[in-house]
Amino acid sequence: MLYRALAAVAAALVASAAAAQTASPPIELAPPSIPADSYSPGRDLVTDFDRIVTPNGVQESFIATLGGARQYVSVRGADRANPILLYIHGGPASVELPISWSFQRPWEDYFTVVEWDQRAAGKSFRLNDPQAMAPTLKPDRYRDDAIELIELLRKRYGKRKIFVLGHSWGSAVGLSVAVKRPDLLYAYIGMGQMIDFQENEKKSFATVLDQARRDRNAQAVKELEGIAPYPGPSELGVAKTGVERKWSVYYGGLAAGRRDSDFYVHIGRLSPEYGLDDRKAWDAGSDFTMTTMWPVLTNLSFEDVHALKVPIFLFMGRHDTTTPPEIAADWLKRLTAPQKTLVWFENSAHLPMIEEPGRTFQTLLTRVRPLAARDLPPGG
């Protein structure tokens, strides 16, 4: 998690060596008006290629007020009769909407896919006063925002339940929803599942430091030993995590076999829904939210969750050191649930939807979607 915000922190290091609880009716938006920039010609091609033109399709955006904060929502799918899949992005504030065009289109033939820029993230960052948002940036508020959004989606599209996929930080939000409101979900899918913040950071740090020592990478060892003990007994600051993630990314812990995240974060430059101003808001929201929220997550843990009342799938990259998969795999063994499925992505780290897009789609189609079969039309 927190790859984009900490990418900025890592770059700097390299350079130097209560709000309302009821959802308000959504505000409809016209198609995004995106300022021209050097990527506009490519974006125009992607925009045209990516249009939903099927007779019963849906391609719309709106602003919903969730927990008193205006938040941007994008909905896409080839057939409104399909089940809804809500994608809860990571970070905090590492929005997936500007990147989703690169992997999501096949999903949209079988799901109505909802991308949501969480409070103070991406397009939502400019919709509210950041200083007013700061006190609300708590895990429970994100969970309740998600629940309000799900209720809104069910009513708007006439659905009984939906699927939730939580990625990285979003997996903490999504799992919290599954714990509190299992009645809203067909199933919960955790990708890069975070179970225990402290254990996650300890294991990630130990793995990366060991890699650096085996590689005889003197600079990495020096910088990593310089932040030890990590995460440490006190509040964890973004700067220390920036050092850890810099070398985690370098050793393929974000994307297996890659030394940096450029290929991933730069995809957003061609997004049909994100122009230059939106990308600036994306960066600003990431910086603001990480600085405000990262210390709050220190004690976040699901180790005391022993049972779920909803099927659960974990999509885990074998090479992930951002959210080390062994922690979630061990937790799943102890969990009681109507159905438990652990899917290993052998050629992935933290981004299976990008690293193994075909296998991710196949798994969603053949193992997840059938759980909504009784709500689908004949032949659906």
Foldseek 3Di string as FASTA:
>chain_A
DQAPLLVVLLVVCVVVCQADLAKDDWAFDDQDDFDDDPLVVLLVVLLVVLDADAPQWDWGKTWMQHRNATWIKTKTANHLLAFAEEEQEANVQQFCQLQCSVQCSVVRDHHTYMGIRFCLHFPSVVRDDLVVCLVVLALVSLLSSVVNVLVNVCVVSVHQAHEYEAAHNRLLSQVVNQAPCVRRHQEYEYALHAAWQQVLFQQLLVVLLVVCVVVVPVSLVVLSVVPPPPPDDAQRASSNVSSSVQSCLCCQQAWRPDRGCCVRVVSSPSGNNDHPVSVVSNNVSSNSSRRSPRSNCNGDHNLVAAEGAHEYEYEAECRHSNGHCVVVVVSQVRHHYPHYYYHYDDRTHRCCCVNVVPVVSVCCVPPPSVSCVVSGDVVD
